[in-house]
Amino acid sequence: MKSQHKQKVKQIADFYGIEKQLEKLAEECEELIDATVDYGVDYHVASEDISTQALIDEMADVKIMIKQLEYLLECEQEVKNRVEFKLNRQIGRMEEGV
């Protein structure tokens, strides 16, 4: 993450604190689910000229909240490690035809 972004994430996270940001992450995840469902419906109906803006906005919101929680919980490296593990595991499954 760029240091300018990282500083903004820290500033916001420190201001609101972990309890508030846990609640906010749950809220943002719900909004991402709604945007995903809406996009899926639009995709199946129109499949052309459908806007991705709402989906992009909600993905950005969730990503910001996750970065704040990684900072607040001091687990950024651990999350990176788990992401790498899970990506490798999925590639392995794909290679096995699962």
PDB file of N, CA and C in Angstrom:
ATOM      1  N   MET A   1       0.853  -1.173   0.000  1.00  0.00           N
ATOM      2  CA  MET A   1       0.000   0.000   0.000  1.00  0.00           C
ATOM      3  C   MET A   1       0.901   1.239   0.000  1.00  0.00           C
ATOM      4  N   LYS A   2       0.552   2.208  -0.796  1.00  0.00           N
ATOM      5  CA  LYS A   2       1.320   3.437  -0.844  1.00  0.00           C
ATOM      6  C   LYS A   2       1.312   4.093   0.533  1.00  0.00           C
ATOM      7  N   SER A   3       2.419   4.740   0.873  1.00  0.00           N
ATOM      8  CA  SER A   3       2.525   5.310   2.221  1.00  0.00           C
ATOM      9  C   SER A   3       1.469   6.385   2.478  1.00  0.00           C
ATOM     10  N   GLN A   4       1.080   7.129   1.437  1.00  0.00           N
ATOM     11  CA  GLN A   4       0.031   8.141   1.618  1.00  0.00           C
ATOM     12  C   GLN A   4      -1.295   7.469   1.971  1.00  0.00           C
ATOM     13  N   HIS A   5      -1.614   6.383   1.276  1.00  0.00           N
ATOM     14  CA  HIS A   5      -2.831   5.642   1.596  1.00  0.00           C
ATOM     15  C   HIS A   5      -2.741   5.039   2.988  1.00  0.00           C
ATOM     16  N   LYS A   6      -1.586   4.489   3.304  1.00  0.00           N
ATOM     17  CA  LYS A   6      -1.387   3.845   4.599  1.00  0.00           C
ATOM     18  C   LYS A   6      -1.599   4.853   5.731  1.00  0.00           C
ATOM     19  N   GLN A   7      -1.087   6.054   5.566  1.00  0.00           N
ATOM     20  CA  GLN A   7      -1.245   7.084   6.594  1.00  0.00           C
ATOM     21  C   GLN A   7      -2.712   7.459   6.773  1.00  0.00           C
ATOM     22  N   LYS A   8      -3.446   7.562   5.689  1.00  0.00           N
ATOM     23  CA  LYS A   8      -4.876   7.885   5.765  1.00  0.00           C
ATOM     24  C   LYS A   8      -5.647   6.768   6.454  1.00  0.00           C
ATOM     25  N   VAL A   9      -5.308   5.525   6.119  1.00  0.00           N
ATOM     26  CA  VAL A   9      -5.947   4.369   6.760  1.00  0.00           C
ATOM     27  C   VAL A   9      -5.704   4.416   8.263  1.00  0.00           C
ATOM     28  N   LYS A  10      -4.472   4.665   8.673  1.00  0.00           N
ATOM     29  CA  LYS A  10      -4.134   4.731  10.102  1.00  0.00           C
ATOM     30  C   LYS A  10      -4.873   5.870  10.794  1.00  0.00           C
ATOM     31  N   GLN A  11      -4.914   7.022  10.150  1.00  0.00           N
ATOM     32  CA  GLN A  11      -5.574   8.190  10.743  1.00  0.00           C
ATOM     33  C   GLN A  11      -7.054   7.908  10.999  1.00  0.00           C
ATOM     34  N   ILE A  12      -7.725   7.340  10.019  1.00  0.00           N
ATOM     35  CA  ILE A  12      -9.151   7.025  10.161  1.00  0.00           C
ATOM     36  C   ILE A  12      -9.350   5.938  11.213  1.00  0.00           C
ATOM     37  N   ALA A  13      -8.546   4.883  11.152  1.00  0.00           N
ATOM     38  CA  ALA A  13      -8.675   3.772  12.099  1.00  0.00           C
ATOM     39  C   ALA A  13      -8.442   4.235  13.531  1.00  0.00           C
ATOM     40  N   ASP A  14      -7.418   5.043  13.734  1.00  0.00           N
ATOM     41  CA  ASP A  14      -7.130   5.546  15.074  1.00  0.00           C
ATOM     42  C   ASP A  14      -8.248   6.444  15.589  1.00  0.00           C
ATOM     43  N   PHE A  15      -8.839   7.216  14.719  1.00  0.00           N
ATOM     44  CA  PHE A  15      -9.909   8.130  15.123  1.00  0.00           C
ATOM     45  C   PHE A  15     -11.139   7.355  15.602  1.00  0.00           C
ATOM     46  N   TYR A  16     -11.551   6.340  14.841  1.00  0.00           N
ATOM     47  CA  TYR A  16     -12.784   5.617  15.168  1.00  0.00           C
ATOM     48  C   TYR A  16     -12.577   4.445  16.122  1.00  0.00           C
ATOM     49  N   GLY A  17     -11.444   3.789  16.050  1.00  0.00           N
ATOM     50  CA  GLY A  17     -11.172   2.664  16.939  1.00  0.00           C
ATOM     51  C   GLY A  17     -11.746   1.355  16.436  1.00  0.00           C
ATOM     52  N   ILE A  18     -11.309   0.291  17.074  1.00  0.00           N
ATOM     53  CA  ILE A  18     -11.621  -1.048  16.586  1.00  0.00           C
ATOM     54  C   ILE A  18     -13.103  -1.404  16.678  1.00  0.00           C
ATOM     55  N   GLU A  19     -13.749  -1.060  17.769  1.00  0.00           N
ATOM     56  CA  GLU A  19     -15.157  -1.437  17.930  1.00  0.00           C
ATOM     57  C   GLU A  19     -16.021  -0.825  16.829  1.00  0.00           C
ATOM     58  N   LYS A  20     -15.846   0.440  16.585  1.00  0.00           N
ATOM     59  CA  LYS A  20     -16.619   1.143  15.557  1.00  0.00           C
ATOM     60  C   LYS A  20     -16.293   0.594  14.167  1.00  0.00           C
ATOM     61  N   GLN A  21     -15.026   0.311  13.926  1.00  0.00           N
ATOM     62  CA  GLN A  21     -14.638  -0.143  12.599  1.00  0.00           C
ATOM     63  C   GLN A  21     -15.043  -1.597  12.333  1.00  0.00           C
ATOM     64  N   LEU A  22     -15.145  -2.405  13.374  1.00  0.00           N
ATOM     65  CA  LEU A  22     -15.703  -3.747  13.200  1.00  0.00           C
ATOM     66  C   LEU A  22     -17.157  -3.660  12.750  1.00  0.00           C
ATOM     67  N   GLU A  23     -17.913  -2.780  13.372  1.00  0.00           N
ATOM     68  CA  GLU A  23     -19.309  -2.573  12.979  1.00  0.00           C
ATOM     69  C   GLU A  23     -19.392  -2.055  11.549  1.00  0.00           C
ATOM     70  N   LYS A  24     -18.504  -1.124  11.222  1.00  0.00           N
ATOM     71  CA  LYS A  24     -18.503  -0.532   9.882  1.00  0.00           C
ATOM     72  C   LYS A  24     -18.129  -1.564   8.819  1.00  0.00           C
ATOM     73  N   LEU A  25     -17.195  -2.455   9.122  1.00  0.00           N
ATOM     74  CA  LEU A  25     -16.835  -3.500   8.173  1.00  0.00           C
ATOM     75  C   LEU A  25     -18.045  -4.389   7.879  1.00  0.00           C
ATOM     76  N   ALA A  26     -18.772  -4.771   8.906  1.00  0.00           N
ATOM     77  CA  ALA A  26     -19.963  -5.609   8.705  1.00  0.00           C
ATOM     78  C   ALA A  26     -20.973  -4.886   7.813  1.00  0.00           C
ATOM     79  N   GLU A  27     -21.168  -3.615   8.064  1.00  0.00           N
ATOM     80  CA  GLU A  27     -22.097  -2.807   7.267  1.00  0.00           C
ATOM     81  C   GLU A  27     -21.640  -2.748   5.804  1.00  0.00           C
ATOM     82  N   GLU A  28     -20.353  -2.500   5.602  1.00  0.00           N
ATOM     83  CA  GLU A  28     -19.824  -2.401   4.240  1.00  0.00           C
ATOM     84  C   GLU A  28     -19.896  -3.749   3.518  1.00  0.00           C
ATOM     85  N   CYS A  29     -19.696  -4.842   4.246  1.00  0.00           N
ATOM     86  CA  CYS A  29     -19.824  -6.175   3.636  1.00  0.00           C
ATOM     87  C   CYS A  29     -21.258  -6.427   3.182  1.00  0.00           C
ATOM     88  N   GLU A  30     -22.224  -6.015   3.981  1.00  0.00           N
ATOM     89  CA  GLU A  30     -23.629  -6.151   3.594  1.00  0.00           C
ATOM     90  C   GLU A  30     -23.914  -5.362   2.324  1.00  0.00           C
ATOM     91  N   GLU A  31     -23.372  -4.146   2.239  1.00  0.00           N
ATOM     92  CA  GLU A  31     -23.582  -3.322   1.053  1.00  0.00           C
ATOM     93  C   GLU A  31     -22.903  -3.937  -0.175  1.00  0.00           C
ATOM     94  N   LEU A  32     -21.750  -4.570   0.024  1.00  0.00           N
ATOM     95  CA  LEU A  32     -21.077  -5.249  -1.081  1.00  0.00           C
ATOM     96  C   LEU A  32     -21.903  -6.445  -1.558  1.00  0.00           C
ATOM     97  N   ILE A  33     -22.476  -7.181  -0.630  1.00  0.00           N
ATOM     98  CA  ILE A  33     -23.340  -8.305  -1.011  1.00  0.00           C
ATOM     99  C   ILE A  33     -24.512  -7.803  -1.849  1.00  0.00           C
ATOM    100  N   ASP A  34     -25.152  -6.744  -1.400  1.00  0.00           N
ATOM    101  CA  ASP A  34     -26.286  -6.188  -2.146  1.00  0.00           C
ATOM    102  C   ASP A  34     -25.863  -5.750  -3.549  1.00  0.00           C
ATOM    103  N   ALA A  35     -24.735  -5.059  -3.645  1.00  0.00           N
ATOM    104  CA  ALA A  35     -24.253  -4.587  -4.949  1.00  0.00           C
ATOM    105  C   ALA A  35     -23.884  -5.760  -5.854  1.00  0.00           C
ATOM    106  N   THR A  36     -23.345  -6.825  -5.265  1.00  0.00           N
ATOM    107  CA  THR A  36     -22.994  -8.013  -6.036  1.00  0.00           C
ATOM    108  C   THR A  36     -24.238  -8.686  -6.593  1.00  0.00           C
ATOM    109  N   VAL A  37     -25.246  -8.829  -5.769  1.00  0.00           N
ATOM    110  CA  VAL A  37     -26.504  -9.431  -6.212  1.00  0.00           C
ATOM    111  C   VAL A  37     -27.135  -8.577  -7.309  1.00  0.00           C
ATOM    112  N   ASP A  38     -27.190  -7.273  -7.100  1.00  0.00           N
ATOM    113  CA  ASP A  38     -27.767  -6.370  -8.100  1.00  0.00           C
ATOM    114  C   ASP A  38     -27.015  -6.457  -9.421  1.00  0.00           C
ATOM    115  N   TYR A  39     -25.700  -6.486  -9.352  1.00  0.00           N
ATOM    116  CA  TYR A  39     -24.891  -6.584 -10.568  1.00  0.00           C
ATOM    117  C   TYR A  39     -25.162  -7.914 -11.269  1.00  0.00           C
ATOM    118  N   GLY A  40     -25.242  -8.980 -10.503  1.00  0.00           N
ATOM    119  CA  GLY A  40     -25.515 -10.289 -11.086  1.00  0.00           C
ATOM    120  C   GLY A  40     -26.852 -10.327 -11.808  1.00  0.00           C
ATOM    121  N   VAL A  41     -27.866  -9.729 -11.217  1.00  0.00           N
ATOM    122  CA  VAL A  41     -29.187  -9.657 -11.854  1.00  0.00           C
ATOM    123  C   VAL A  41     -29.092  -8.859 -13.148  1.00  0.00           C
ATOM    124  N   ASP A  42     -28.470  -7.688 -13.082  1.00  0.00           N
ATOM    125  CA  ASP A  42     -28.320  -6.855 -14.274  1.00  0.00           C
ATOM    126  C   ASP A  42     -27.524  -7.574 -15.357  1.00  0.00           C
ATOM    127  N   TYR A  43     -26.483  -8.290 -14.945  1.00  0.00           N
ATOM    128  CA  TYR A  43     -25.628  -9.005 -15.897  1.00  0.00           C
ATOM    129  C   TYR A  43     -26.427 -10.066 -16.653  1.00  0.00           C
ATOM    130  N   HIS A  44     -27.249 -10.794 -15.940  1.00  0.00           N
ATOM    131  CA  HIS A  44     -28.038 -11.849 -16.580  1.00  0.00           C
ATOM    132  C   HIS A  44     -29.133 -11.273 -17.473  1.00  0.00           C
ATOM    133  N   VAL A  45     -29.665 -10.134 -17.127  1.00  0.00           N
ATOM    134  CA  VAL A  45     -30.740  -9.526 -17.898  1.00  0.00           C
ATOM    135  C   VAL A  45     -30.196  -8.778 -19.109  1.00  0.00           C
ATOM    136  N   ALA A  46     -29.200  -7.925 -18.886  1.00  0.00           N
ATOM    137  CA  ALA A  46     -28.723  -7.055 -19.955  1.00  0.00           C
ATOM    138  C   ALA A  46     -27.436  -7.559 -20.587  1.00  0.00           C
ATOM    139  N   SER A  47     -26.489  -7.933 -19.780  1.00  0.00           N
ATOM    140  CA  SER A  47     -25.148  -8.388 -20.155  1.00  0.00           C
ATOM    141  C   SER A  47     -24.386  -7.417 -21.060  1.00  0.00           C
ATOM    142  N   GLU A  48     -24.943  -6.287 -21.367  1.00  0.00           N
ATOM    143  CA  GLU A  48     -24.242  -5.236 -22.111  1.00  0.00           C
ATOM    144  C   GLU A  48     -24.554  -3.902 -21.460  1.00  0.00           C
ATOM    145  N   ASP A  49     -23.588  -3.035 -21.484  1.00  0.00           N
ATOM    146  CA  ASP A  49     -23.779  -1.666 -20.996  1.00  0.00           C
ATOM    147  C   ASP A  49     -24.330  -1.593 -19.573  1.00  0.00           C
ATOM    148  N   ILE A  50     -23.885  -2.490 -18.707  1.00  0.00           N
ATOM    149  CA  ILE A  50     -24.307  -2.391 -17.314  1.00  0.00           C
ATOM    150  C   ILE A  50     -23.199  -1.713 -16.521  1.00  0.00           C
ATOM    151  N   SER A  51     -23.606  -0.923 -15.587  1.00  0.00           N
ATOM    152  CA  SER A  51     -22.652  -0.147 -14.802  1.00  0.00           C
ATOM    153  C   SER A  51     -22.026  -1.001 -13.707  1.00  0.00           C
ATOM    154  N   THR A  52     -20.729  -0.869 -13.571  1.00  0.00           N
ATOM    155  CA  THR A  52     -20.017  -1.543 -12.488  1.00  0.00           C
ATOM    156  C   THR A  52     -19.727  -0.582 -11.335  1.00  0.00           C
ATOM    157  N   GLN A  53     -20.177   0.675 -11.444  1.00  0.00           N
ATOM    158  CA  GLN A  53     -19.784   1.694 -10.479  1.00  0.00           C
ATOM    159  C   GLN A  53     -20.189   1.358  -9.047  1.00  0.00           C
ATOM    160  N   ALA A  54     -21.411   0.905  -8.828  1.00  0.00           N
ATOM    161  CA  ALA A  54     -21.852   0.588  -7.460  1.00  0.00           C
ATOM    162  C   ALA A  54     -21.026  -0.555  -6.888  1.00  0.00           C
ATOM    163  N   LEU A  55     -20.756  -1.553  -7.709  1.00  0.00           N
ATOM    164  CA  LEU A  55     -19.955  -2.688  -7.264  1.00  0.00           C
ATOM    165  C   LEU A  55     -18.530  -2.245  -6.936  1.00  0.00           C
ATOM    166  N   ILE A  56     -17.957  -1.429  -7.774  1.00  0.00           N
ATOM    167  CA  ILE A  56     -16.604  -0.912  -7.539  1.00  0.00           C
ATOM    168  C   ILE A  56     -16.548  -0.098  -6.254  1.00  0.00           C
ATOM    169  N   ASP A  57     -17.532   0.771  -6.050  1.00  0.00           N
ATOM    170  CA  ASP A  57     -17.567   1.593  -4.832  1.00  0.00           C
ATOM    171  C   ASP A  57     -17.620   0.733  -3.580  1.00  0.00           C
ATOM    172  N   GLU A  58     -18.447  -0.299  -3.595  1.00  0.00           N
ATOM    173  CA  GLU A  58     -18.572  -1.150  -2.416  1.00  0.00           C
ATOM    174  C   GLU A  58     -17.329  -2.008  -2.202  1.00  0.00           C
ATOM    175  N   MET A  59     -16.696  -2.466  -3.282  1.00  0.00           N
ATOM    176  CA  MET A  59     -15.441  -3.201  -3.133  1.00  0.00           C
ATOM    177  C   MET A  59     -14.384  -2.300  -2.507  1.00  0.00           C
ATOM    178  N   ALA A  60     -14.342  -1.047  -2.937  1.00  0.00           N
ATOM    179  CA  ALA A  60     -13.377  -0.098  -2.374  1.00  0.00           C
ATOM    180  C   ALA A  60     -13.643   0.118  -0.886  1.00  0.00           C
ATOM    181  N   ASP A  61     -14.905   0.273  -0.514  1.00  0.00           N
ATOM    182  CA  ASP A  61     -15.257   0.477   0.901  1.00  0.00           C
ATOM    183  C   ASP A  61     -14.800  -0.699   1.751  1.00  0.00           C
ATOM    184  N   VAL A  62     -15.055  -1.918   1.283  1.00  0.00           N
ATOM    185  CA  VAL A  62     -14.660  -3.113   2.043  1.00  0.00           C
ATOM    186  C   VAL A  62     -13.142  -3.202   2.134  1.00  0.00           C
ATOM    187  N   LYS A  63     -12.472  -2.925   1.044  1.00  0.00           N
ATOM    188  CA  LYS A  63     -11.006  -2.978   1.048  1.00  0.00           C
ATOM    189  C   LYS A  63     -10.427  -1.978   2.049  1.00  0.00           C
ATOM    190  N   ILE A  64     -10.975  -0.787   2.099  1.00  0.00           N
ATOM    191  CA  ILE A  64     -10.525   0.233   3.055  1.00  0.00           C
ATOM    192  C   ILE A  64     -10.732  -0.249   4.491  1.00  0.00           C
ATOM    193  N   MET A  65     -11.893  -0.832   4.760  1.00  0.00           N
ATOM    194  CA  MET A  65     -12.176  -1.298   6.115  1.00  0.00           C
ATOM    195  C   MET A  65     -11.259  -2.446   6.500  1.00  0.00           C
ATOM    196  N   ILE A  66     -10.985  -3.347   5.566  1.00  0.00           N
ATOM    197  CA  ILE A  66     -10.076  -4.454   5.864  1.00  0.00           C
ATOM    198  C   ILE A  66      -8.687  -3.921   6.182  1.00  0.00           C
ATOM    199  N   LYS A  67      -8.214  -2.947   5.420  1.00  0.00           N
ATOM    200  CA  LYS A  67      -6.899  -2.361   5.685  1.00  0.00           C
ATOM    201  C   LYS A  67      -6.865  -1.734   7.079  1.00  0.00           C
ATOM    202  N   GLN A  68      -7.945  -1.080   7.481  1.00  0.00           N
ATOM    203  CA  GLN A  68      -7.990  -0.483   8.816  1.00  0.00           C
ATOM    204  C   GLN A  68      -7.918  -1.559   9.895  1.00  0.00           C
ATOM    205  N   LEU A  69      -8.638  -2.648   9.700  1.00  0.00           N
ATOM    206  CA  LEU A  69      -8.622  -3.710  10.706  1.00  0.00           C
ATOM    207  C   LEU A  69      -7.290  -4.438  10.738  1.00  0.00           C
ATOM    208  N   GLU A  70      -6.658  -4.606   9.582  1.00  0.00           N
ATOM    209  CA  GLU A  70      -5.307  -5.191   9.587  1.00  0.00           C
ATOM    210  C   GLU A  70      -4.370  -4.331  10.435  1.00  0.00           C
ATOM    211  N   TYR A  71      -4.501  -3.031  10.281  1.00  0.00           N
ATOM    212  CA  TYR A  71      -3.668  -2.102  11.063  1.00  0.00           C
ATOM    213  C   TYR A  71      -4.023  -2.176  12.553  1.00  0.00           C
ATOM    214  N   LEU A  72      -5.305  -2.071  12.861  1.00  0.00           N
ATOM    215  CA  LEU A  72      -5.732  -2.054  14.266  1.00  0.00           C
ATOM    216  C   LEU A  72      -5.413  -3.361  14.981  1.00  0.00           C
ATOM    217  N   LEU A  73      -5.507  -4.469  14.268  1.00  0.00           N
ATOM    218  CA  LEU A  73      -5.235  -5.782  14.866  1.00  0.00           C
ATOM    219  C   LEU A  73      -3.777  -6.214  14.700  1.00  0.00           C
ATOM    220  N   GLU A  74      -2.999  -5.368  14.039  1.00  0.00           N
ATOM    221  CA  GLU A  74      -1.574  -5.642  13.803  1.00  0.00           C
ATOM    222  C   GLU A  74      -1.379  -7.017  13.168  1.00  0.00           C
ATOM    223  N   CYS A  75      -2.107  -7.258  12.071  1.00  0.00           N
ATOM    224  CA  CYS A  75      -2.047  -8.585  11.449  1.00  0.00           C
ATOM    225  C   CYS A  75      -1.881  -8.510   9.929  1.00  0.00           C
ATOM    226  N   GLU A  76      -1.353  -7.429   9.424  1.00  0.00           N
ATOM    227  CA  GLU A  76      -1.221  -7.271   7.968  1.00  0.00           C
ATOM    228  C   GLU A  76      -0.393  -8.404   7.352  1.00  0.00           C
ATOM    229  N   GLN A  77       0.740  -8.725   7.952  1.00  0.00           N
ATOM    230  CA  GLN A  77       1.589  -9.780   7.399  1.00  0.00           C
ATOM    231  C   GLN A  77       0.912 -11.144   7.483  1.00  0.00           C
ATOM    232  N   GLU A  78       0.249 -11.396   8.586  1.00  0.00           N
ATOM    233  CA  GLU A  78      -0.446 -12.668   8.741  1.00  0.00           C
ATOM    234  C   GLU A  78      -1.543 -12.827   7.686  1.00  0.00           C
ATOM    235  N   VAL A  79      -2.272 -11.745   7.408  1.00  0.00           N
ATOM    236  CA  VAL A  79      -3.304 -11.794   6.372  1.00  0.00           C
ATOM    237  C   VAL A  79      -2.656 -12.044   5.010  1.00  0.00           C
ATOM    238  N   LYS A  80      -1.560 -11.357   4.721  1.00  0.00           N
ATOM    239  CA  LYS A  80      -0.846 -11.582   3.458  1.00  0.00           C
ATOM    240  C   LYS A  80      -0.433 -13.041   3.328  1.00  0.00           C
ATOM    241  N   ASN A  81       0.084 -13.605   4.410  1.00  0.00           N
ATOM    242  CA  ASN A  81       0.504 -15.013   4.393  1.00  0.00           C
ATOM    243  C   ASN A  81      -0.671 -15.945   4.114  1.00  0.00           C
ATOM    244  N   ARG A  82      -1.799 -15.680   4.739  1.00  0.00           N
ATOM    245  CA  ARG A  82      -2.980 -16.526   4.541  1.00  0.00           C
ATOM    246  C   ARG A  82      -3.532 -16.383   3.128  1.00  0.00           C
ATOM    247  N   VAL A  83      -3.479 -15.176   2.584  1.00  0.00           N
ATOM    248  CA  VAL A  83      -3.914 -14.976   1.201  1.00  0.00           C
ATOM    249  C   VAL A  83      -3.045 -15.811   0.278  1.00  0.00           C
ATOM    250  N   GLU A  84      -1.747 -15.755   0.464  1.00  0.00           N
ATOM    251  CA  GLU A  84      -0.830 -16.534  -0.374  1.00  0.00           C
ATOM    252  C   GLU A  84      -1.110 -18.034  -0.236  1.00  0.00           C
ATOM    253  N   PHE A  85      -1.298 -18.492   0.993  1.00  0.00           N
ATOM    254  CA  PHE A  85      -1.616 -19.897   1.234  1.00  0.00           C
ATOM    255  C   PHE A  85      -2.888 -20.309   0.506  1.00  0.00           C
ATOM    256  N   LYS A  86      -3.926 -19.491   0.628  1.00  0.00           N
ATOM    257  CA  LYS A  86      -5.217 -19.830   0.031  1.00  0.00           C
ATOM    258  C   LYS A  86      -5.168 -19.776  -1.491  1.00  0.00           C
ATOM    259  N   LEU A  87      -4.422 -18.837  -2.048  1.00  0.00           N
ATOM    260  CA  LEU A  87      -4.259 -18.789  -3.500  1.00  0.00           C
ATOM    261  C   LEU A  87      -3.556 -20.046  -3.996  1.00  0.00           C
ATOM    262  N   ASN A  88      -2.481 -20.409  -3.326  1.00  0.00           N
ATOM    263  CA  ASN A  88      -1.743 -21.615  -3.711  1.00  0.00           C
ATOM    264  C   ASN A  88      -2.608 -22.867  -3.577  1.00  0.00           C
ATOM    265  N   ARG A  89      -3.384 -22.926  -2.513  1.00  0.00           N
ATOM    266  CA  ARG A  89      -4.261 -24.084  -2.306  1.00  0.00           C
ATOM    267  C   ARG A  89      -5.285 -24.193  -3.437  1.00  0.00           C
ATOM    268  N   GLN A  90      -5.843 -23.058  -3.836  1.00  0.00           N
ATOM    269  CA  GLN A  90      -6.840 -23.087  -4.902  1.00  0.00           C
ATOM    270  C   GLN A  90      -6.222 -23.471  -6.246  1.00  0.00           C
ATOM    271  N   ILE A  91      -5.035 -22.965  -6.513  1.00  0.00           N
ATOM    272  CA  ILE A  91      -4.330 -23.358  -7.744  1.00  0.00           C
ATOM    273  C   ILE A  91      -4.107 -24.874  -7.739  1.00  0.00           C
ATOM    274  N   GLY A  92      -3.710 -25.415  -6.601  1.00  0.00           N
ATOM    275  CA  GLY A  92      -3.522 -26.853  -6.468  1.00  0.00           C
ATOM    276  C   GLY A  92      -4.815 -27.612  -6.741  1.00  0.00           C
ATOM    277  N   ARG A  93      -5.910 -27.129  -6.230  1.00  0.00           N
ATOM    278  CA  ARG A  93      -7.206 -27.765  -6.478  1.00  0.00           C
ATOM    279  C   ARG A  93      -7.553 -27.733  -7.963  1.00  0.00           C
ATOM    280  N   MET A  94      -7.286 -26.602  -8.591  1.00  0.00           N
ATOM    281  CA  MET A  94      -7.583 -26.476 -10.013  1.00  0.00           C
ATOM    282  C   MET A  94      -6.758 -27.458 -10.828  1.00  0.00           C
ATOM    283  N   GLU A  95      -5.498 -27.591 -10.458  1.00  0.00           N
ATOM    284  CA  GLU A  95      -4.603 -28.514 -11.168  1.00  0.00           C
ATOM    285  C   GLU A  95      -5.059 -29.962 -10.986  1.00  0.00           C
ATOM    286  N   GLU A  96      -5.698 -30.240  -9.860  1.00  0.00           N
ATOM    287  CA  GLU A  96      -6.225 -31.579  -9.609  1.00  0.00           C
ATOM    288  C   GLU A  96      -7.602 -31.790 -10.222  1.00  0.00           C
ATOM    289  N   GLY A  97      -8.151 -30.719 -10.802  1.00  0.00           N
ATOM    290  CA  GLY A  97      -9.467 -30.801 -11.434  1.00  0.00           C
ATOM    291  C   GLY A  97     -10.627 -30.669 -10.485  1.00  0.00           C
ATOM    292  N   VAL A  98     -10.404 -30.103  -9.318  1.00  0.00           N
ATOM    293  CA  VAL A  98     -11.464 -29.932  -8.329  1.00  0.00           C
ATOM    294  C   VAL A  98     -12.089 -28.567  -8.470  1.00  0.00           C
TER     295      VAL A  98
END
